Structure formats: structure tokens, C-alpha cells
C-alpha atoms as a PDB file:
ATOM      1  CA  UNK A   1      -0.045  -0.007  -0.099  1.00  0.00           C
ATOM      2  CA  UNK A   2       2.547   2.545   0.990  1.00  0.00           C
ATOM      3  CA  UNK A   3       4.423   1.672  -2.501  1.00  0.00           C
ATOM      4  CA  UNK A   4       1.206   2.542  -4.376  1.00  0.00           C
ATOM      5  CA  UNK A   5       0.744   5.710  -2.457  1.00  0.00           C
ATOM      6  CA  UNK A   6       4.760   6.648  -2.948  1.00  0.00           C
ATOM      7  CA  UNK A   7       4.345   6.052  -6.706  1.00  0.00           C
ATOM      8  CA  UNK A   8       1.376   8.127  -6.992  1.00  0.00           C
ATOM      9  CA  UNK A   9       3.093  11.076  -5.201  1.00  0.00           C
ATOM     10  CA  UNK A  10       5.813  10.705  -7.737  1.00  0.00           C
ATOM     11  CA  UNK A  11       3.680  10.994 -10.694  1.00  0.00           C
ATOM     12  CA  UNK A  12       1.966  13.916  -8.987  1.00  0.00           C
ATOM     13  CA  UNK A  13       5.017  15.663  -8.464  1.00  0.00           C
ATOM     14  CA  UNK A  14       6.251  15.205 -12.188  1.00  0.00           C
ATOM     15  CA  UNK A  15       3.017  16.439 -13.339  1.00  0.00           C
ATOM     16  CA  UNK A  16       3.284  19.493 -11.037  1.00  0.00           C
ATOM     17  CA  UNK A  17       7.007  20.463 -12.316  1.00  0.00           C
ATOM     18  CA  UNK A  18       6.014  19.897 -15.776  1.00  0.00           C
ATOM     19  CA  UNK A  19       3.070  22.208 -15.349  1.00  0.00           C
ATOM     20  CA  UNK A  20       5.360  25.032 -13.632  1.00  0.00           C
ATOM     21  CA  UNK A  21       7.898  24.344 -16.424  1.00  0.00           C
ATOM     22  CA  UNK A  22       5.172  25.262 -19.104  1.00  0.00           C
ATOM     23  CA  UNK A  23       3.886  28.275 -16.893  1.00  0.00           C
ATOM     24  CA  UNK A  24       7.271  29.683 -16.757  1.00  0.00           C
ATOM     25  CA  UNK A  25       7.762  29.422 -20.321  1.00  0.00           C
ATOM     26  CA  UNK A  26       4.517  30.724 -21.083  1.00  0.00           C
ATOM     27  CA  UNK A  27       5.373  33.844 -18.890  1.00  0.00           C
ATOM     28  CA  UNK A  28       8.675  34.199 -20.635  1.00  0.00           C
ATOM     29  CA  UNK A  29       6.945  34.609 -23.777  1.00  0.00           C
ATOM     30  CA  UNK A  30       4.215  36.848 -22.670  1.00  0.00           C
ATOM     31  CA  UNK A  31       6.317  40.026 -22.429  1.00  0.00           C
ATOM     32  CA  UNK A  32       4.652  43.204 -23.078  1.00  0.00           C
ATOM     33  CA  UNK A  33       6.484  45.503 -25.394  1.00  0.00           C
ATOM     34  CA  UNK A  34       6.739  49.105 -24.818  1.00  0.00           C
ATOM     35  CA  UNK A  35       6.633  51.066 -28.332  1.00  0.00           C
ATOM     36  CA  UNK A  36       7.614  54.586 -28.017  1.00  0.00           C
ATOM     37  CA  UNK A  37       6.078  57.190 -30.789  1.00  0.00           C
ATOM     38  CA  UNK A  38       8.005  60.283 -31.522  1.00  0.00           C
ATOM     39  CA  UNK A  39       5.924  62.442 -34.147  1.00  0.00           C
ATOM     40  CA  UNK A  40       6.844  65.550 -35.399  1.00  0.00           C
ATOM     41  CA  UNK A  41       3.465  67.295 -35.872  1.00  0.00           C
ATOM     42  CA  UNK A  42      -0.060  66.226 -36.523  1.00  0.00           C
ATOM     43  CA  UNK A  43      -1.405  66.557 -39.783  1.00  0.00           C
ATOM     44  CA  UNK A  44      -3.317  64.050 -42.106  1.00  0.00           C
ATOM     45  CA  UNK A  45      -0.137  62.502 -43.703  1.00  0.00           C
ATOM     46  CA  UNK A  46       1.835  62.038 -40.376  1.00  0.00           C
ATOM     47  CA  UNK A  47      -1.359  60.912 -38.743  1.00  0.00           C
ATOM     48  CA  UNK A  48      -2.162  58.272 -41.477  1.00  0.00           C
ATOM     49  CA  UNK A  49       1.390  57.086 -41.170  1.00  0.00           C
ATOM     50  CA  UNK A  50       0.863  56.338 -37.566  1.00  0.00           C
ATOM     51  CA  UNK A  51      -2.586  54.814 -37.996  1.00  0.00           C
ATOM     52  CA  UNK A  52      -1.107  52.458 -40.740  1.00  0.00           C
ATOM     53  CA  UNK A  53       1.760  51.407 -38.115  1.00  0.00           C
ATOM     54  CA  UNK A  54      -0.725  50.796 -35.300  1.00  0.00           C
ATOM     55  CA  UNK A  55      -2.964  48.855 -37.610  1.00  0.00           C
ATOM     56  CA  UNK A  56      -0.117  46.878 -39.144  1.00  0.00           C
ATOM     57  CA  UNK A  57       1.029  45.787 -35.746  1.00  0.00           C
ATOM     58  CA  UNK A  58      -2.320  44.595 -34.980  1.00  0.00           C
ATOM     59  CA  UNK A  59      -2.572  42.442 -37.993  1.00  0.00           C
ATOM     60  CA  UNK A  60       0.537  40.879 -36.916  1.00  0.00           C
ATOM     61  CA  UNK A  61      -0.624  40.401 -33.146  1.00  0.00           C
ATOM     62  CA  UNK A  62       0.710  43.089 -31.550  1.00  0.00           C
ATOM     63  CA  UNK A  63      -2.141  45.018 -30.104  1.00  0.00           C
ATOM     64  CA  UNK A  64      -1.917  48.013 -27.911  1.00  0.00           C
ATOM     65  CA  UNK A  65      -3.107  47.266 -24.222  1.00  0.00           C
ATOM     66  CA  UNK A  66      -2.484  43.533 -24.717  1.00  0.00           C
ATOM     67  CA  UNK A  67       1.182  42.469 -25.717  1.00  0.00           C
ATOM     68  CA  UNK A  68       2.301  46.142 -26.468  1.00  0.00           C
ATOM     69  CA  UNK A  69       2.044  49.361 -24.829  1.00  0.00           C
ATOM     70  CA  UNK A  70       2.239  52.390 -27.416  1.00  0.00           C
ATOM     71  CA  UNK A  71       3.373  55.627 -25.905  1.00  0.00           C
ATOM     72  CA  UNK A  72       2.450  58.394 -28.548  1.00  0.00           C
ATOM     73  CA  UNK A  73       3.906  61.871 -28.411  1.00  0.00           C
ATOM     74  CA  UNK A  74       3.719  64.865 -30.694  1.00  0.00           C
ATOM     75  CA  UNK A  75       6.734  67.372 -30.785  1.00  0.00           C
ATOM     76  CA  UNK A  76       3.906  70.026 -32.158  1.00  0.00           C
ATOM     77  CA  UNK A  77       6.479  70.926 -34.869  1.00  0.00           C
ATOM     78  CA  UNK A  78       9.156  71.746 -32.312  1.00  0.00           C
ATOM     79  CA  UNK A  79      12.578  70.196 -32.857  1.00  0.00           C
ATOM     80  CA  UNK A  80      13.463  70.826 -29.195  1.00  0.00           C
ATOM     81  CA  UNK A  81      10.359  69.076 -28.261  1.00  0.00           C
ATOM     82  CA  UNK A  82      11.243  66.047 -30.485  1.00  0.00           C
ATOM     83  CA  UNK A  83      14.658  65.862 -28.552  1.00  0.00           C
ATOM     84  CA  UNK A  84      12.846  66.064 -24.977  1.00  0.00           C
ATOM     85  CA  UNK A  85      10.395  63.032 -26.087  1.00  0.00           C
ATOM     86  CA  UNK A  86      13.068  60.902 -27.589  1.00  0.00           C
ATOM     87  CA  UNK A  87      14.962  61.057 -24.221  1.00  0.00           C
ATOM     88  CA  UNK A  88      11.949  60.331 -22.377  1.00  0.00           C
ATOM     89  CA  UNK A  89      11.221  57.113 -24.487  1.00  0.00           C
ATOM     90  CA  UNK A  90      14.805  56.147 -24.121  1.00  0.00           C
ATOM     91  CA  UNK A  91      14.718  56.647 -20.294  1.00  0.00           C
ATOM     92  CA  UNK A  92      11.369  54.660 -20.109  1.00  0.00           C
ATOM     93  CA  UNK A  93      13.283  51.610 -21.376  1.00  0.00           C
ATOM     94  CA  UNK A  94      11.235  51.451 -24.738  1.00  0.00           C
ATOM     95  CA  UNK A  95      11.813  48.205 -26.553  1.00  0.00           C
ATOM     96  CA  UNK A  96      11.179  50.042 -30.071  1.00  0.00           C
ATOM     97  CA  UNK A  97      10.899  53.764 -31.148  1.00  0.00           C
ATOM     98  CA  UNK A  98       8.893  54.898 -34.274  1.00  0.00           C
ATOM     99  CA  UNK A  99      10.114  58.342 -35.187  1.00  0.00           C
ATOM    100  CA  UNK A 100       7.767  60.189 -37.819  1.00  0.00           C
ATOM    101  CA  UNK A 101       9.345  62.672 -40.116  1.00  0.00           C
ATOM    102  CA  UNK A 102      12.697  63.736 -40.251  1.00  0.00           C
ATOM    103  CA  UNK A 103      13.442  66.234 -37.483  1.00  0.00           C
ATOM    104  CA  UNK A 104      11.862  63.377 -34.918  1.00  0.00           C
ATOM    105  CA  UNK A 105      14.120  60.704 -36.536  1.00  0.00           C
ATOM    106  CA  UNK A 106      17.114  63.043 -36.013  1.00  0.00           C
ATOM    107  CA  UNK A 107      16.291  63.396 -32.516  1.00  0.00           C
ATOM    108  CA  UNK A 108      15.668  59.625 -31.885  1.00  0.00           C
ATOM    109  CA  UNK A 109      18.698  58.547 -33.468  1.00  0.00           C
ATOM    110  CA  UNK A 110      20.872  61.052 -31.279  1.00  0.00           C
ATOM    111  CA  UNK A 111      18.964  59.883 -28.168  1.00  0.00           C
ATOM    112  CA  UNK A 112      20.247  56.309 -28.131  1.00  0.00           C
ATOM    113  CA  UNK A 113      22.419  54.050 -30.416  1.00  0.00           C
ATOM    114  CA  UNK A 114      21.150  50.720 -28.637  1.00  0.00           C
ATOM    115  CA  UNK A 115      17.311  50.827 -28.856  1.00  0.00           C
ATOM    116  CA  UNK A 116      15.918  49.925 -32.400  1.00  0.00           C
ATOM    117  CA  UNK A 117      14.296  52.659 -34.230  1.00  0.00           C
ATOM    118  CA  UNK A 118      12.079  52.415 -37.354  1.00  0.00           C
ATOM    119  CA  UNK A 119      11.521  55.563 -39.139  1.00  0.00           C
ATOM    120  CA  UNK A 120       8.845  56.856 -41.614  1.00  0.00           C
ATOM    121  CA  UNK A 121       7.912  60.010 -43.489  1.00  0.00           C
ATOM    122  CA  UNK A 122      11.842  60.907 -44.162  1.00  0.00           C
ATOM    123  CA  UNK A 123      12.669  61.567 -47.719  1.00  0.00           C
ATOM    124  CA  UNK A 124      16.385  60.522 -47.595  1.00  0.00           C
ATOM    125  CA  UNK A 125      17.864  58.967 -44.263  1.00  0.00           C
ATOM    126  CA  UNK A 126      21.144  58.917 -45.499  1.00  0.00           C
ATOM    127  CA  UNK A 127      21.324  62.419 -46.644  1.00  0.00           C
ATOM    128  CA  UNK A 128      20.431  63.891 -43.413  1.00  0.00           C
ATOM    129  CA  UNK A 129      22.861  61.602 -41.711  1.00  0.00           C
ATOM    130  CA  UNK A 130      20.355  59.319 -39.712  1.00  0.00           C
ATOM    131  CA  UNK A 131      21.703  56.030 -41.455  1.00  0.00           C
ATOM    132  CA  UNK A 132      25.093  55.349 -43.040  1.00  0.00           C
ATOM    133  CA  UNK A 133      23.457  54.537 -46.117  1.00  0.00           C
ATOM    134  CA  UNK A 134      19.770  53.778 -47.313  1.00  0.00           C
ATOM    135  CA  UNK A 135      21.084  50.289 -48.663  1.00  0.00           C
ATOM    136  CA  UNK A 136      22.888  49.410 -45.536  1.00  0.00           C
ATOM    137  CA  UNK A 137      22.063  51.581 -42.561  1.00  0.00           C
ATOM    138  CA  UNK A 138      24.635  50.060 -40.236  1.00  0.00           C
ATOM    139  CA  UNK A 139      23.048  51.120 -36.888  1.00  0.00           C
ATOM    140  CA  UNK A 140      20.058  50.843 -34.695  1.00  0.00           C
ATOM    141  CA  UNK A 141      17.994  52.735 -37.293  1.00  0.00           C
ATOM    142  CA  UNK A 142      15.954  51.565 -40.271  1.00  0.00           C
ATOM    143  CA  UNK A 143      12.509  52.243 -41.928  1.00  0.00           C
ATOM    144  CA  UNK A 144      10.598  53.660 -44.796  1.00  0.00           C
ATOM    145  CA  UNK A 145      11.140  56.552 -46.947  1.00  0.00           C
ATOM    146  CA  UNK A 146       8.452  59.118 -48.242  1.00  0.00           C
ATOM    147  CA  UNK A 147      10.171  60.043 -51.410  1.00  0.00           C
ATOM    148  CA  UNK A 148       7.415  61.114 -53.524  1.00  0.00           C
ATOM    149  CA  UNK A 149       7.376  60.550 -57.343  1.00  0.00           C
ATOM    150  CA  UNK A 150       8.314  64.323 -57.984  1.00  0.00           C
ATOM    151  CA  UNK A 151       8.915  63.737 -61.591  1.00  0.00           C
ATOM    152  CA  UNK A 152       5.401  62.202 -61.999  1.00  0.00           C
ATOM    153  CA  UNK A 153       3.903  64.798 -60.177  1.00  0.00           C
ATOM    154  CA  UNK A 154       5.466  67.434 -62.592  1.00  0.00           C
ATOM    155  CA  UNK A 155       4.272  65.388 -65.684  1.00  0.00           C
ATOM    156  CA  UNK A 156       0.664  65.486 -64.007  1.00  0.00           C
ATOM    157  CA  UNK A 157       1.012  69.189 -63.866  1.00  0.00           C
ATOM    158  CA  UNK A 158       1.528  69.582 -67.565  1.00  0.00           C
ATOM    159  CA  UNK A 159      -0.957  66.897 -68.409  1.00  0.00           C
ATOM    160  CA  UNK A 160      -3.643  69.073 -66.489  1.00  0.00           C
ATOM    161  CA  UNK A 161      -2.335  72.306 -67.622  1.00  0.00           C
ATOM    162  CA  UNK A 162      -0.677  71.965 -71.076  1.00  0.00           C
ATOM    163  CA  UNK A 163      -0.628  75.599 -71.356  1.00  0.00           C
ATOM    164  CA  UNK A 164       1.104  76.163 -68.160  1.00  0.00           C
ATOM    165  CA  UNK A 165       4.322  77.839 -68.354  1.00  0.00           C
ATOM    166  CA  UNK A 166       5.042  79.191 -64.851  1.00  0.00           C
ATOM    167  CA  UNK A 167       5.307  77.173 -61.701  1.00  0.00           C
ATOM    168  CA  UNK A 168       6.134  78.241 -58.043  1.00  0.00           C
ATOM    169  CA  UNK A 169       7.621  75.550 -55.893  1.00  0.00           C
ATOM    170  CA  UNK A 170       6.465  76.417 -52.372  1.00  0.00           C
ATOM    171  CA  UNK A 171       8.067  74.533 -49.148  1.00  0.00           C
ATOM    172  CA  UNK A 172       9.566  75.240 -45.884  1.00  0.00           C
ATOM    173  CA  UNK A 173      13.342  76.320 -46.037  1.00  0.00           C
ATOM    174  CA  UNK A 174      14.414  74.572 -42.881  1.00  0.00           C
ATOM    175  CA  UNK A 175      13.101  71.282 -44.197  1.00  0.00           C
ATOM    176  CA  UNK A 176      16.048  69.341 -45.736  1.00  0.00           C
ATOM    177  CA  UNK A 177      13.391  66.741 -47.408  1.00  0.00           C
ATOM    178  CA  UNK A 178      11.769  69.554 -49.079  1.00  0.00           C
ATOM    179  CA  UNK A 179      15.022  70.926 -50.336  1.00  0.00           C
ATOM    180  CA  UNK A 180      15.930  67.655 -51.919  1.00  0.00           C
ATOM    181  CA  UNK A 181      12.262  67.496 -53.452  1.00  0.00           C
ATOM    182  CA  UNK A 182      12.739  71.004 -54.811  1.00  0.00           C
ATOM    183  CA  UNK A 183      15.939  70.320 -56.738  1.00  0.00           C
ATOM    184  CA  UNK A 184      14.236  67.135 -58.374  1.00  0.00           C
ATOM    185  CA  UNK A 185      11.266  69.313 -59.275  1.00  0.00           C
ATOM    186  CA  UNK A 186      13.355  72.337 -60.741  1.00  0.00           C
ATOM    187  CA  UNK A 187      15.177  69.746 -62.997  1.00  0.00           C
ATOM    188  CA  UNK A 188      11.901  67.892 -63.989  1.00  0.00           C
ATOM    189  CA  UNK A 189      10.190  71.267 -64.620  1.00  0.00           C
ATOM    190  CA  UNK A 190      13.058  72.343 -67.019  1.00  0.00           C
ATOM    191  CA  UNK A 191      12.564  69.084 -68.868  1.00  0.00           C
ATOM    192  CA  UNK A 192       8.891  70.039 -69.441  1.00  0.00           C
ATOM    193  CA  UNK A 193       9.712  73.469 -70.516  1.00  0.00           C
ATOM    194  CA  UNK A 194       8.382  74.978 -67.421  1.00  0.00           C
ATOM    195  CA  UNK A 195       9.945  77.995 -65.689  1.00  0.00           C
ATOM    196  CA  UNK A 196      10.278  77.828 -61.974  1.00  0.00           C
ATOM    197  CA  UNK A 197      10.110  80.415 -59.024  1.00  0.00           C
ATOM    198  CA  UNK A 198      11.118  79.205 -55.582  1.00  0.00           C
ATOM    199  CA  UNK A 199       8.885  80.232 -52.753  1.00  0.00           C
ATOM    200  CA  UNK A 200       9.931  79.541 -49.298  1.00  0.00           C
ATOM    201  CA  UNK A 201       8.658  80.026 -45.661  1.00  0.00           C
ATOM    202  CA  UNK A 202      10.201  79.480 -42.144  1.00  0.00           C
ATOM    203  CA  UNK A 203       6.986  78.902 -40.395  1.00  0.00           C
ATOM    204  CA  UNK A 204       3.111  78.647 -40.972  1.00  0.00           C
ATOM    205  CA  UNK A 205       3.053  82.277 -40.315  1.00  0.00           C
ATOM    206  CA  UNK A 206       4.522  83.632 -43.662  1.00  0.00           C
ATOM    207  CA  UNK A 207       2.437  81.380 -45.597  1.00  0.00           C
ATOM    208  CA  UNK A 208      -0.240  83.837 -46.539  1.00  0.00           C
ATOM    209  CA  UNK A 209       1.974  86.567 -47.252  1.00  0.00           C
ATOM    210  CA  UNK A 210       4.103  84.467 -49.453  1.00  0.00           C
ATOM    211  CA  UNK A 211       1.501  82.752 -51.525  1.00  0.00           C
ATOM    212  CA  UNK A 212      -0.163  86.414 -52.028  1.00  0.00           C
ATOM    213  CA  UNK A 213       3.157  87.530 -53.353  1.00  0.00           C
ATOM    214  CA  UNK A 214       3.027  84.843 -56.006  1.00  0.00           C
ATOM    215  CA  UNK A 215      -0.308  86.153 -57.652  1.00  0.00           C
ATOM    216  CA  UNK A 216      -0.051  87.106 -61.055  1.00  0.00           C
ATOM    217  CA  UNK A 217       3.359  85.562 -61.386  1.00  0.00           C
ATOM    218  CA  UNK A 218       2.686  81.840 -61.750  1.00  0.00           C
ATOM    219  CA  UNK A 219       0.224  79.776 -63.489  1.00  0.00           C
ATOM    220  CA  UNK A 220       0.461  76.943 -60.857  1.00  0.00           C
ATOM    221  CA  UNK A 221       1.930  76.194 -57.393  1.00  0.00           C
ATOM    222  CA  UNK A 222       3.845  72.925 -56.535  1.00  0.00           C
ATOM    223  CA  UNK A 223       4.295  71.659 -53.006  1.00  0.00           C
ATOM    224  CA  UNK A 224       6.441  68.746 -52.003  1.00  0.00           C
ATOM    225  CA  UNK A 225       5.851  66.542 -49.081  1.00  0.00           C
ATOM    226  CA  UNK A 226       6.615  69.206 -46.705  1.00  0.00           C
ATOM    227  CA  UNK A 227       5.458  69.309 -42.950  1.00  0.00           C
ATOM    228  CA  UNK A 228       5.090  73.105 -42.436  1.00  0.00           C
ATOM    229  CA  UNK A 229       3.303  73.743 -45.578  1.00  0.00           C
ATOM    230  CA  UNK A 230       0.895  70.602 -44.989  1.00  0.00           C
ATOM    231  CA  UNK A 231       0.110  71.951 -41.644  1.00  0.00           C
ATOM    232  CA  UNK A 232      -0.838  75.257 -43.385  1.00  0.00           C
ATOM    233  CA  UNK A 233      -2.301  73.831 -46.593  1.00  0.00           C
ATOM    234  CA  UNK A 234      -5.716  75.441 -45.996  1.00  0.00           C
ATOM    235  CA  UNK A 235      -4.033  78.878 -45.897  1.00  0.00           C
ATOM    236  CA  UNK A 236      -2.282  77.874 -49.022  1.00  0.00           C
ATOM    237  CA  UNK A 237      -5.650  77.148 -50.683  1.00  0.00           C
ATOM    238  CA  UNK A 238      -7.479  79.928 -49.526  1.00  0.00           C
ATOM    239  CA  UNK A 239      -5.251  82.392 -50.886  1.00  0.00           C
ATOM    240  CA  UNK A 240      -4.228  80.426 -54.203  1.00  0.00           C
ATOM    241  CA  UNK A 241      -7.897  79.272 -55.053  1.00  0.00           C
ATOM    242  CA  UNK A 242      -9.234  82.698 -54.533  1.00  0.00           C
ATOM    243  CA  UNK A 243      -6.764  84.021 -57.052  1.00  0.00           C
ATOM    244  CA  UNK A 244      -7.404  81.305 -59.645  1.00  0.00           C
ATOM    245  CA  UNK A 245      -4.219  79.499 -58.649  1.00  0.00           C
ATOM    246  CA  UNK A 246      -4.544  75.739 -58.616  1.00  0.00           C
ATOM    247  CA  UNK A 247      -2.170  73.754 -56.326  1.00  0.00           C
ATOM    248  CA  UNK A 248      -0.424  70.405 -57.288  1.00  0.00           C
ATOM    249  CA  UNK A 249       0.847  68.805 -53.986  1.00  0.00           C
ATOM    250  CA  UNK A 250       3.465  66.058 -53.144  1.00  0.00           C
ATOM    251  CA  UNK A 251       0.933  63.545 -51.075  1.00  0.00           C
ATOM    252  CA  UNK A 252      -2.940  62.996 -51.046  1.00  0.00           C
ATOM    253  CA  UNK A 253      -3.482  64.082 -47.375  1.00  0.00           C
ATOM    254  CA  UNK A 254      -3.406  67.754 -48.884  1.00  0.00           C
ATOM    255  CA  UNK A 255      -6.091  67.150 -51.280  1.00  0.00           C
ATOM    256  CA  UNK A 256      -8.777  67.275 -48.582  1.00  0.00           C
ATOM    257  CA  UNK A 257      -7.219  70.405 -47.369  1.00  0.00           C
ATOM    258  CA  UNK A 258      -7.523  72.399 -50.449  1.00  0.00           C
ATOM    259  CA  UNK A 259      -4.899  71.219 -52.956  1.00  0.00           C
ATOM    260  CA  UNK A 260      -6.195  70.159 -56.551  1.00  0.00           C
ATOM    261  CA  UNK A 261      -4.409  66.865 -57.455  1.00  0.00           C
ATOM    262  CA  UNK A 262      -1.515  64.766 -56.965  1.00  0.00           C
ATOM    263  CA  UNK A 263       0.031  61.269 -57.886  1.00  0.00           C
ATOM    264  CA  UNK A 264       1.443  60.201 -54.787  1.00  0.00           C
ATOM    265  CA  UNK A 265       2.040  57.724 -52.303  1.00  0.00           C
ATOM    266  CA  UNK A 266      -0.210  56.821 -49.410  1.00  0.00           C
ATOM    267  CA  UNK A 267       1.047  57.552 -45.817  1.00  0.00           C
ATOM    268  CA  UNK A 268      -1.427  55.022 -44.254  1.00  0.00           C
ATOM    269  CA  UNK A 269       0.286  52.140 -46.492  1.00  0.00           C
ATOM    270  CA  UNK A 270       3.718  53.379 -45.663  1.00  0.00           C
ATOM    271  CA  UNK A 271       2.858  53.093 -41.993  1.00  0.00           C
ATOM    272  CA  UNK A 272       1.853  49.644 -42.447  1.00  0.00           C
ATOM    273  CA  UNK A 273       5.150  48.880 -44.520  1.00  0.00           C
ATOM    274  CA  UNK A 274       7.125  50.361 -41.375  1.00  0.00           C
ATOM    275  CA  UNK A 275       5.052  48.047 -39.142  1.00  0.00           C
ATOM    276  CA  UNK A 276       6.029  44.744 -40.787  1.00  0.00           C
ATOM    277  CA  UNK A 277       9.745  46.067 -40.592  1.00  0.00           C
ATOM    278  CA  UNK A 278       9.104  46.740 -36.925  1.00  0.00           C
ATOM    279  CA  UNK A 279       7.403  43.095 -36.423  1.00  0.00           C
ATOM    280  CA  UNK A 280      10.610  41.369 -37.824  1.00  0.00           C
ATOM    281  CA  UNK A 281      12.876  43.493 -35.197  1.00  0.00           C
ATOM    282  CA  UNK A 282      10.559  42.548 -32.285  1.00  0.00           C
ATOM    283  CA  UNK A 283      10.579  38.969 -33.200  1.00  0.00           C
ATOM    284  CA  UNK A 284      14.498  38.910 -33.569  1.00  0.00           C
ATOM    285  CA  UNK A 285      14.322  37.983 -37.126  1.00  0.00           C
ATOM    286  CA  UNK A 286      16.073  41.085 -38.330  1.00  0.00           C
ATOM    287  CA  UNK A 287      18.694  43.528 -37.443  1.00  0.00           C
ATOM    288  CA  UNK A 288      18.162  47.406 -38.451  1.00  0.00           C
ATOM    289  CA  UNK A 289      21.780  47.498 -39.370  1.00  0.00           C
ATOM    290  CA  UNK A 290      21.216  45.201 -42.200  1.00  0.00           C
ATOM    291  CA  UNK A 291      17.642  46.338 -43.141  1.00  0.00           C
ATOM    292  CA  UNK A 292      17.606  48.591 -46.261  1.00  0.00           C
ATOM    293  CA  UNK A 293      15.304  51.556 -46.264  1.00  0.00           C
ATOM    294  CA  UNK A 294      12.373  50.817 -47.921  1.00  0.00           C
ATOM    295  CA  UNK A 295      10.056  52.823 -50.504  1.00  0.00           C
ATOM    296  CA  UNK A 296       6.592  52.623 -51.226  1.00  0.00           C
ATOM    297  CA  UNK A 297       5.841  51.008 -54.540  1.00  0.00           C
ATOM    298  CA  UNK A 298       2.213  52.480 -54.798  1.00  0.00           C
ATOM    299  CA  UNK A 299       1.612  55.713 -56.444  1.00  0.00           C
ATOM    300  CA  UNK A 300      -2.036  56.893 -57.244  1.00  0.00           C
ATOM    301  CA  UNK A 301      -3.932  59.623 -58.646  1.00  0.00           C
ATOM    302  CA  UNK A 302      -6.201  61.648 -56.550  1.00  0.00           C
ATOM    303  CA  UNK A 303      -7.742  65.267 -57.028  1.00  0.00           C
ATOM    304  CA  UNK A 304     -10.338  67.732 -55.191  1.00  0.00           C
ATOM    305  CA  UNK A 305     -13.409  67.661 -57.454  1.00  0.00           C
ATOM    306  CA  UNK A 306     -14.927  70.557 -55.450  1.00  0.00           C
ATOM    307  CA  UNK A 307     -11.590  72.809 -55.917  1.00  0.00           C
ATOM    308  CA  UNK A 308     -11.636  71.744 -59.572  1.00  0.00           C
ATOM    309  CA  UNK A 309     -15.294  73.013 -59.997  1.00  0.00           C
ATOM    310  CA  UNK A 310     -14.483  76.135 -58.048  1.00  0.00           C
ATOM    311  CA  UNK A 311     -11.380  76.857 -60.565  1.00  0.00           C
ATOM    312  CA  UNK A 312     -13.335  75.787 -63.562  1.00  0.00           C
ATOM    313  CA  UNK A 313     -10.795  72.980 -64.338  1.00  0.00           C
ATOM    314  CA  UNK A 314     -11.721  69.901 -66.408  1.00  0.00           C
ATOM    315  CA  UNK A 315      -9.737  66.775 -65.328  1.00  0.00           C
ATOM    316  CA  UNK A 316      -8.614  64.733 -68.141  1.00  0.00           C
ATOM    317  CA  UNK A 317     -10.815  61.658 -68.960  1.00  0.00           C
ATOM    318  CA  UNK A 318      -7.135  59.474 -68.888  1.00  0.00           C
ATOM    319  CA  UNK A 319      -6.818  60.532 -65.307  1.00  0.00           C
ATOM    320  CA  UNK A 320     -10.408  59.944 -64.168  1.00  0.00           C
ATOM    321  CA  UNK A 321     -10.178  56.529 -65.512  1.00  0.00           C
ATOM    322  CA  UNK A 322      -7.344  55.697 -63.047  1.00  0.00           C
ATOM    323  CA  UNK A 323      -9.887  56.009 -60.419  1.00  0.00           C
ATOM    324  CA  UNK A 324     -12.433  53.702 -61.720  1.00  0.00           C
END
């Protein structure tokens, strides 16, 4: 009888130990990851990138409030705020940082060389010193570029306005990404026989005056993907539209805020693409140092029919067919 009881106790002990072992293994894999977000400013394009990132994580099984904790922060367009936010995310021991827009990415990259950082809405990470090269980042930073198809946008401008001759390129002088795009636009415009006039602002407070100064001097205004201009697009449109000047923009988030048309990338999709990279890092399947900067391969036409009607502009049938 004692032997039977003893054998029963041994079996019970083995089962209990196995259960404890499985529980420890389960607990080890149930880590809640801290995802810190540093977003330069809130406007439709950057907000869409953030939304796409969160949705992309969720589709991969990383859900805020369950197995990840997202700490979203906006720098309100202030570089010093971006630095403060980045330092906070580092001090909070974030497992991964998402930096949205170039100044935010620069702040995050300067704050840590250890925590993995994924970036998005940065035109040329290598050109602004965030990575060693876009093909081989070489550090703790990787992500997606929002390099917009500037040449195709100039061709779109010419397709809608074949008689146009003078184009203003409007952007913020302190945004390196915008300067890069402006240089591409100037070259593309010249190839199409267009004359360009550079119009820059240093803040949203200057937009109304600068756009007003273009009245009577240009046929069309072109704006690249620029955070300051995006934040003040309603003002750009208010002045330009009232004076019969259409706006071709760098991304579709500005269409609903008063620009006429674009052929550009979708920032929500870009955010989801960035999330896919983040998931690989969280799973330990990839290292930022060897993950090339990725680019969107989706370019779509979009336009504001109300602005077109107000300006009396007929969109070519060939472009409308792209929306079908």
C-alpha cells in the first residue's frame, strides 16, 4: 500500500513540475513590449502613417493594451520637443521607437544607439545623417522613405495644364527633405519646358504673405511633401484658390485640405509597411543595421473635385479612368 501511495506521489510531483515549467515558459513569452512614438507634428499625412503603423502591428498580433504598450507623443512641430520626447522614450526603456518625420528621426537617432528605431516619412535618411546608407543603415535605425514621385507629379501638372509655363515651388526652407524634392522638381520642370520660381517660408505664419506674393506671377503652385506647408495647406489654398491658382501637391493628405491634385504615395500604406519591419525586429528575425530603407511601390492619382469646380478646371478623362 505504501509503495502504491509513494508511486502516486512521484507521478503527481512530475506532473506538477511539468506544469510549472510550462507556466514559466509561457510567462517568458508573454512580454509586453513598450513602443515609443515620436511624431513631429499632427497633420493628415503623418497621422495616417501612425494609424497604418498601429494597424499593421495589430494585424501581426501586436495589439496595444494587450502585448504592447504604445506611448504616442507629438512634438507639435518643435525640434526641441522632439529631443525631449526621444530622451523620455529612452529613459522609459522602450523596446522599440517609431520616429515620424525627419526632425523626429534625427532626435531619436541622437538619443540612443542601442534601442531599435524605425522611421517613416523621411525622404532621404542617408542625406540627413540618420543612417550610414539607405542600402545598409549600419546602426540601430531603419524604416521607410516617403520619397514622392516628383517627376511624375510634374508630368501630372503638365497633363492637367498643358498651357502652363510658370510654376512656383513652395516649401519650408528649414526642411532638408523639401530642399531635396525642390531640386528634383526644378530639373523635372525644366525638362518639360516650365519656368520655376522658388517660394519658401520658415513657419506657417509666413504662408499667407508668401502665397499672396505669387499672385499674377505663376500659373500653378507645386508643394512637395513638406510638414510646415501640410500644416498650413488650408491657408495656401485659401489664397491660391481665391486668385485662380491651382495647387499640385506631393501627397494625397493635402487634397482634402485644398490642393487640386497629386500622383503620390499613401501614408497609411507606408505606415503599415513600416510596421512589418518593426515586427521582424521585435521577433528577432532582423537587425536594423542590415535592413535597407524601404520605399513605397504604390503611386495613385487623386484630386479634389470641389476645388476643380471652383477653379473651372476639367480633369482629363485619362486621369479619371485611373480612379475607376
